[in-house]
Amino acid sequence: MSGEQLQDTARETARALPGVSHGRPFTEQLDVYKVAGKVFLIITDDPDDLAVTVKAEPEYGRLLRSQHTSITPGRYLDKQHWISLAAGPDITQDLVAELVDDSYHLVLETVPRKRRPG
């Protein structure tokens, strides 16, 4: 999977989830996706470093990092709760979609029920 495919899959998955907004609040090179105002996905638009960063349960994140050389501690955020994915032979569309969806739901759990999208 190429870096462009990785990012396209992450964007498509995020856009299909309810209540998602996105913008570039930090810098033009970071496409940030939020639910109820909370970040769950960051896409790095640097052509020399195409990556996505998602939230993950700490133990699952450690397991993924040990199994995939293209998964590293999260950039920009808490290294224990966030992971970054880059292109690699062991990174699949299904894995990217699963991790974006998981990140969305982990963040959504921290939002009060009345603020969650319907």
N, C-alpha and C. Protein backbone atom coordinates (compact mmCIF):
# COMPACT_ATOMS: atom_id res chain seq x y z
N MET A 1 0.85 -1.17 0.00
CA MET A 1 0.00 0.00 0.00
C MET A 1 0.90 1.24 0.00
N SER A 2 0.62 2.17 -0.90
CA SER A 2 1.40 3.40 -0.98
C SER A 2 0.93 4.41 0.07
N GLY A 3 1.71 5.44 0.27
CA GLY A 3 1.32 6.50 1.20
C GLY A 3 0.02 7.18 0.80
N GLU A 4 -0.16 7.39 -0.50
CA GLU A 4 -1.39 8.01 -0.99
C GLU A 4 -2.60 7.11 -0.72
N GLN A 5 -2.45 5.82 -0.95
CA GLN A 5 -3.54 4.87 -0.70
C GLN A 5 -3.86 4.80 0.79
N LEU A 6 -2.84 4.81 1.61
CA LEU A 6 -3.01 4.82 3.06
C LEU A 6 -3.85 6.02 3.48
N GLN A 7 -3.48 7.19 3.00
CA GLN A 7 -4.20 8.41 3.36
C GLN A 7 -5.60 8.45 2.78
N ASP A 8 -5.76 8.01 1.53
CA ASP A 8 -7.10 7.97 0.93
C ASP A 8 -8.03 7.07 1.72
N THR A 9 -7.53 5.90 2.12
CA THR A 9 -8.34 4.97 2.91
C THR A 9 -8.73 5.59 4.25
N ALA A 10 -7.79 6.25 4.90
CA ALA A 10 -8.07 6.89 6.20
C ALA A 10 -9.12 7.99 6.02
N ARG A 11 -8.98 8.81 4.99
CA ARG A 11 -9.94 9.89 4.75
C ARG A 11 -11.34 9.34 4.44
N GLU A 12 -11.41 8.36 3.57
CA GLU A 12 -12.71 7.77 3.20
C GLU A 12 -13.39 7.15 4.42
N THR A 13 -12.62 6.45 5.23
CA THR A 13 -13.18 5.82 6.43
C THR A 13 -13.70 6.89 7.38
N ALA A 14 -12.91 7.93 7.62
CA ALA A 14 -13.31 8.99 8.55
C ALA A 14 -14.56 9.72 8.06
N ARG A 15 -14.60 10.04 6.79
CA ARG A 15 -15.75 10.79 6.24
C ARG A 15 -17.05 10.01 6.32
N ALA A 16 -16.97 8.69 6.36
CA ALA A 16 -18.18 7.86 6.41
C ALA A 16 -18.75 7.74 7.82
N LEU A 17 -18.02 8.20 8.83
CA LEU A 17 -18.46 8.09 10.21
C LEU A 17 -19.34 9.29 10.58
N PRO A 18 -20.33 9.09 11.45
CA PRO A 18 -21.25 10.18 11.79
C PRO A 18 -20.59 11.30 12.61
N GLY A 19 -20.97 12.54 12.28
CA GLY A 19 -20.56 13.70 13.07
C GLY A 19 -19.12 14.12 12.91
N VAL A 20 -18.46 13.71 11.84
CA VAL A 20 -17.04 14.01 11.65
C VAL A 20 -16.87 15.38 10.97
N SER A 21 -15.93 16.15 11.49
CA SER A 21 -15.53 17.40 10.85
C SER A 21 -14.02 17.33 10.61
N HIS A 22 -13.55 18.16 9.69
CA HIS A 22 -12.09 18.19 9.53
C HIS A 22 -11.65 19.56 9.04
N GLY A 23 -10.40 19.84 9.30
CA GLY A 23 -9.81 21.12 8.91
C GLY A 23 -8.31 21.06 9.15
N ARG A 24 -7.71 22.24 9.12
CA ARG A 24 -6.26 22.34 9.30
C ARG A 24 -5.96 23.39 10.38
N PRO A 25 -6.33 23.09 11.63
CA PRO A 25 -6.18 24.09 12.69
C PRO A 25 -4.74 24.35 13.14
N PHE A 26 -3.84 23.43 12.88
CA PHE A 26 -2.47 23.57 13.38
C PHE A 26 -1.51 24.09 12.32
N THR A 27 -1.55 23.49 11.15
CA THR A 27 -0.68 23.87 10.03
C THR A 27 -1.30 23.31 8.75
N GLU A 28 -0.95 23.89 7.63
CA GLU A 28 -1.48 23.44 6.35
C GLU A 28 -1.11 21.99 6.03
N GLN A 29 -0.07 21.47 6.64
CA GLN A 29 0.38 20.11 6.32
C GLN A 29 -0.29 19.03 7.17
N LEU A 30 -1.17 19.43 8.10
CA LEU A 30 -1.86 18.45 8.95
C LEU A 30 -3.36 18.57 8.75
N ASP A 31 -3.95 17.53 8.17
CA ASP A 31 -5.40 17.44 7.96
C ASP A 31 -5.97 16.72 9.18
N VAL A 32 -6.73 17.44 10.00
CA VAL A 32 -7.17 16.95 11.30
C VAL A 32 -8.67 16.60 11.26
N TYR A 33 -9.01 15.38 11.69
CA TYR A 33 -10.40 14.92 11.73
C TYR A 33 -10.83 14.83 13.18
N LYS A 34 -12.06 15.34 13.44
CA LYS A 34 -12.58 15.38 14.81
C LYS A 34 -14.00 14.84 14.86
N VAL A 35 -14.39 14.39 16.05
CA VAL A 35 -15.78 14.07 16.35
C VAL A 35 -16.09 14.80 17.64
N ALA A 36 -17.20 15.53 17.65
CA ALA A 36 -17.61 16.33 18.82
C ALA A 36 -16.47 17.22 19.31
N GLY A 37 -15.68 17.75 18.37
CA GLY A 37 -14.59 18.66 18.70
C GLY A 37 -13.32 18.01 19.19
N LYS A 38 -13.26 16.68 19.18
CA LYS A 38 -12.07 15.96 19.67
C LYS A 38 -11.37 15.24 18.52
N VAL A 39 -10.07 15.37 18.47
CA VAL A 39 -9.25 14.78 17.40
C VAL A 39 -9.24 13.25 17.51
N PHE A 40 -9.45 12.57 16.34
CA PHE A 40 -9.28 11.12 16.30
C PHE A 40 -8.38 10.67 15.15
N LEU A 41 -8.05 11.59 14.24
CA LEU A 41 -7.21 11.24 13.09
C LEU A 41 -6.45 12.47 12.62
N ILE A 42 -5.16 12.30 12.39
CA ILE A 42 -4.34 13.36 11.78
C ILE A 42 -3.65 12.76 10.57
N ILE A 43 -3.79 13.44 9.44
CA ILE A 43 -3.14 13.00 8.20
C ILE A 43 -2.06 14.02 7.85
N THR A 44 -0.83 13.54 7.72
CA THR A 44 0.30 14.40 7.40
C THR A 44 0.42 14.52 5.89
N ASP A 45 0.27 15.73 5.38
CA ASP A 45 0.29 15.96 3.94
C ASP A 45 1.66 16.35 3.40
N ASP A 46 2.71 16.02 4.11
CA ASP A 46 4.07 16.27 3.63
C ASP A 46 4.38 15.19 2.60
N PRO A 47 4.63 15.56 1.34
CA PRO A 47 4.86 14.53 0.31
C PRO A 47 6.05 13.62 0.59
N ASP A 48 6.95 14.06 1.44
CA ASP A 48 8.11 13.23 1.79
C ASP A 48 7.86 12.36 3.01
N ASP A 49 6.67 12.50 3.62
CA ASP A 49 6.38 11.77 4.86
C ASP A 49 4.87 11.54 4.97
N LEU A 50 4.31 10.75 4.07
CA LEU A 50 2.87 10.49 4.06
C LEU A 50 2.53 9.51 5.17
N ALA A 51 1.80 9.99 6.17
CA ALA A 51 1.47 9.16 7.33
C ALA A 51 0.11 9.55 7.88
N VAL A 52 -0.44 8.67 8.71
CA VAL A 52 -1.66 8.98 9.46
C VAL A 52 -1.40 8.63 10.93
N THR A 53 -2.05 9.38 11.82
CA THR A 53 -1.91 9.16 13.25
C THR A 53 -3.30 8.96 13.84
N VAL A 54 -3.46 7.89 14.62
CA VAL A 54 -4.76 7.54 15.22
C VAL A 54 -4.57 7.19 16.69
N LYS A 55 -5.66 7.26 17.43
CA LYS A 55 -5.65 6.85 18.84
C LYS A 55 -5.80 5.33 18.90
N ALA A 56 -5.12 4.70 19.87
CA ALA A 56 -5.21 3.25 20.05
C ALA A 56 -5.09 2.94 21.54
N GLU A 57 -5.75 1.87 21.96
CA GLU A 57 -5.56 1.39 23.33
C GLU A 57 -4.07 1.14 23.51
N PRO A 58 -3.46 1.54 24.63
CA PRO A 58 -2.01 1.40 24.80
C PRO A 58 -1.46 0.00 24.52
N GLU A 59 -2.09 -1.04 25.04
CA GLU A 59 -1.58 -2.40 24.81
C GLU A 59 -1.68 -2.80 23.35
N TYR A 60 -2.79 -2.44 22.71
CA TYR A 60 -2.96 -2.76 21.29
C TYR A 60 -1.95 -1.99 20.45
N GLY A 61 -1.71 -0.74 20.80
CA GLY A 61 -0.71 0.06 20.10
C GLY A 61 0.67 -0.56 20.19
N ARG A 62 1.04 -1.02 21.38
CA ARG A 62 2.35 -1.69 21.56
C ARG A 62 2.43 -2.96 20.72
N LEU A 63 1.36 -3.73 20.71
CA LEU A 63 1.33 -4.96 19.92
C LEU A 63 1.50 -4.64 18.43
N LEU A 64 0.76 -3.65 17.94
CA LEU A 64 0.86 -3.27 16.53
C LEU A 64 2.27 -2.80 16.18
N ARG A 65 2.88 -2.01 17.06
CA ARG A 65 4.24 -1.53 16.80
C ARG A 65 5.24 -2.69 16.76
N SER A 66 5.00 -3.72 17.56
CA SER A 66 5.92 -4.87 17.56
C SER A 66 5.72 -5.75 16.33
N GLN A 67 4.54 -5.70 15.73
CA GLN A 67 4.24 -6.56 14.58
C GLN A 67 4.46 -5.89 13.23
N HIS A 68 4.45 -4.55 13.21
CA HIS A 68 4.51 -3.81 11.94
C HIS A 68 5.60 -2.74 12.01
N THR A 69 6.59 -2.85 11.16
CA THR A 69 7.66 -1.85 11.15
C THR A 69 7.16 -0.48 10.70
N SER A 70 6.05 -0.43 10.00
CA SER A 70 5.50 0.84 9.50
C SER A 70 4.60 1.54 10.52
N ILE A 71 4.44 0.96 11.71
CA ILE A 71 3.65 1.58 12.78
C ILE A 71 4.61 1.99 13.89
N THR A 72 4.54 3.27 14.25
CA THR A 72 5.44 3.85 15.25
C THR A 72 4.63 4.60 16.31
N PRO A 73 5.27 5.01 17.41
CA PRO A 73 4.56 5.83 18.38
C PRO A 73 3.99 7.08 17.69
N GLY A 74 2.85 7.53 18.16
CA GLY A 74 2.16 8.64 17.52
C GLY A 74 2.96 9.92 17.46
N ARG A 75 2.84 10.59 16.35
CA ARG A 75 3.47 11.90 16.19
C ARG A 75 2.52 12.95 16.74
N TYR A 76 3.08 14.01 17.24
CA TYR A 76 2.31 15.18 17.67
C TYR A 76 1.54 14.98 18.97
N LEU A 77 1.28 13.75 19.38
CA LEU A 77 0.40 13.49 20.52
C LEU A 77 1.06 12.52 21.50
N ASP A 78 0.35 12.18 22.56
CA ASP A 78 0.82 11.26 23.59
C ASP A 78 1.26 9.94 22.95
N LYS A 79 2.51 9.58 23.14
CA LYS A 79 3.08 8.38 22.52
C LYS A 79 2.49 7.08 23.06
N GLN A 80 1.85 7.13 24.21
CA GLN A 80 1.27 5.92 24.79
C GLN A 80 -0.09 5.62 24.16
N HIS A 81 -0.84 6.65 23.81
CA HIS A 81 -2.22 6.46 23.34
C HIS A 81 -2.41 6.68 21.85
N TRP A 82 -1.36 7.05 21.13
CA TRP A 82 -1.48 7.34 19.70
C TRP A 82 -0.41 6.60 18.93
N ILE A 83 -0.76 6.16 17.72
CA ILE A 83 0.20 5.50 16.83
C ILE A 83 0.16 6.17 15.47
N SER A 84 1.27 6.11 14.76
CA SER A 84 1.35 6.63 13.40
C SER A 84 1.63 5.47 12.45
N LEU A 85 0.97 5.52 11.30
CA LEU A 85 1.13 4.50 10.27
C LEU A 85 1.73 5.14 9.03
N ALA A 86 2.70 4.48 8.45
CA ALA A 86 3.29 4.89 7.19
C ALA A 86 3.08 3.75 6.20
N ALA A 87 3.35 4.02 4.93
CA ALA A 87 3.21 2.99 3.91
C ALA A 87 4.16 1.85 4.20
N GLY A 88 3.72 0.66 3.87
CA GLY A 88 4.57 -0.51 4.08
C GLY A 88 3.89 -1.75 3.55
N PRO A 89 4.65 -2.81 3.33
CA PRO A 89 4.08 -4.02 2.76
C PRO A 89 3.07 -4.71 3.68
N ASP A 90 3.16 -4.45 4.98
CA ASP A 90 2.26 -5.10 5.92
C ASP A 90 1.08 -4.22 6.32
N ILE A 91 0.94 -3.06 5.70
CA ILE A 91 -0.17 -2.14 5.99
C ILE A 91 -1.22 -2.33 4.89
N THR A 92 -2.42 -2.74 5.29
CA THR A 92 -3.50 -3.01 4.32
C THR A 92 -4.63 -2.00 4.48
N GLN A 93 -5.49 -1.95 3.48
CA GLN A 93 -6.66 -1.08 3.56
C GLN A 93 -7.53 -1.47 4.75
N ASP A 94 -7.72 -2.76 4.95
CA ASP A 94 -8.55 -3.23 6.06
C ASP A 94 -7.97 -2.79 7.41
N LEU A 95 -6.66 -2.89 7.57
CA LEU A 95 -6.03 -2.48 8.82
C LEU A 95 -6.20 -0.97 9.04
N VAL A 96 -5.98 -0.18 8.01
CA VAL A 96 -6.12 1.28 8.12
C VAL A 96 -7.56 1.63 8.49
N ALA A 97 -8.52 1.04 7.79
CA ALA A 97 -9.94 1.32 8.08
C ALA A 97 -10.30 0.92 9.50
N GLU A 98 -9.81 -0.23 9.94
CA GLU A 98 -10.09 -0.70 11.30
C GLU A 98 -9.51 0.26 12.34
N LEU A 99 -8.28 0.72 12.13
CA LEU A 99 -7.63 1.59 13.10
C LEU A 99 -8.27 2.98 13.15
N VAL A 100 -8.72 3.50 12.01
CA VAL A 100 -9.42 4.79 12.00
C VAL A 100 -10.75 4.64 12.73
N ASP A 101 -11.48 3.57 12.45
CA ASP A 101 -12.77 3.33 13.11
C ASP A 101 -12.57 3.15 14.62
N ASP A 102 -11.58 2.38 15.01
CA ASP A 102 -11.29 2.18 16.44
C ASP A 102 -10.96 3.51 17.11
N SER A 103 -10.15 4.34 16.46
CA SER A 103 -9.76 5.62 17.02
C SER A 103 -10.99 6.51 17.23
N TYR A 104 -11.85 6.56 16.24
CA TYR A 104 -13.10 7.33 16.33
C TYR A 104 -13.90 6.90 17.56
N HIS A 105 -14.07 5.60 17.73
CA HIS A 105 -14.89 5.09 18.84
C HIS A 105 -14.20 5.31 20.20
N LEU A 106 -12.87 5.21 20.26
CA LEU A 106 -12.16 5.49 21.51
C LEU A 106 -12.37 6.95 21.92
N VAL A 107 -12.29 7.86 20.97
CA VAL A 107 -12.48 9.28 21.26
C VAL A 107 -13.94 9.54 21.62
N LEU A 108 -14.86 8.92 20.88
CA LEU A 108 -16.29 9.13 21.12
C LEU A 108 -16.69 8.71 22.53
N GLU A 109 -16.03 7.69 23.07
CA GLU A 109 -16.32 7.24 24.43
C GLU A 109 -16.05 8.32 25.47
N THR A 110 -15.19 9.29 25.15
CA THR A 110 -14.85 10.36 26.09
C THR A 110 -15.80 11.55 26.00
N VAL A 111 -16.72 11.50 25.04
CA VAL A 111 -17.66 12.59 24.82
C VAL A 111 -18.95 12.30 25.59
N PRO A 112 -19.50 13.28 26.32
CA PRO A 112 -20.77 13.06 27.00
C PRO A 112 -21.85 12.61 26.01
N ARG A 113 -22.70 11.70 26.44
CA ARG A 113 -23.71 11.10 25.55
C ARG A 113 -24.56 12.14 24.81
N LYS A 114 -24.92 13.21 25.48
CA LYS A 114 -25.76 14.20 24.84
C LYS A 114 -25.06 14.98 23.72
N ARG A 115 -23.71 14.91 23.69
CA ARG A 115 -22.95 15.59 22.63
C ARG A 115 -22.53 14.64 21.51
N ARG A 116 -22.83 13.36 21.65
CA ARG A 116 -22.44 12.39 20.63
C ARG A 116 -23.34 12.51 19.41
N PRO A 117 -22.79 12.30 18.21
CA PRO A 117 -23.63 12.34 17.01
C PRO A 117 -24.65 11.21 17.01
N GLY A 118 -25.81 11.47 16.43
CA GLY A 118 -26.90 10.49 16.40
C GLY A 118 -26.65 9.39 15.50
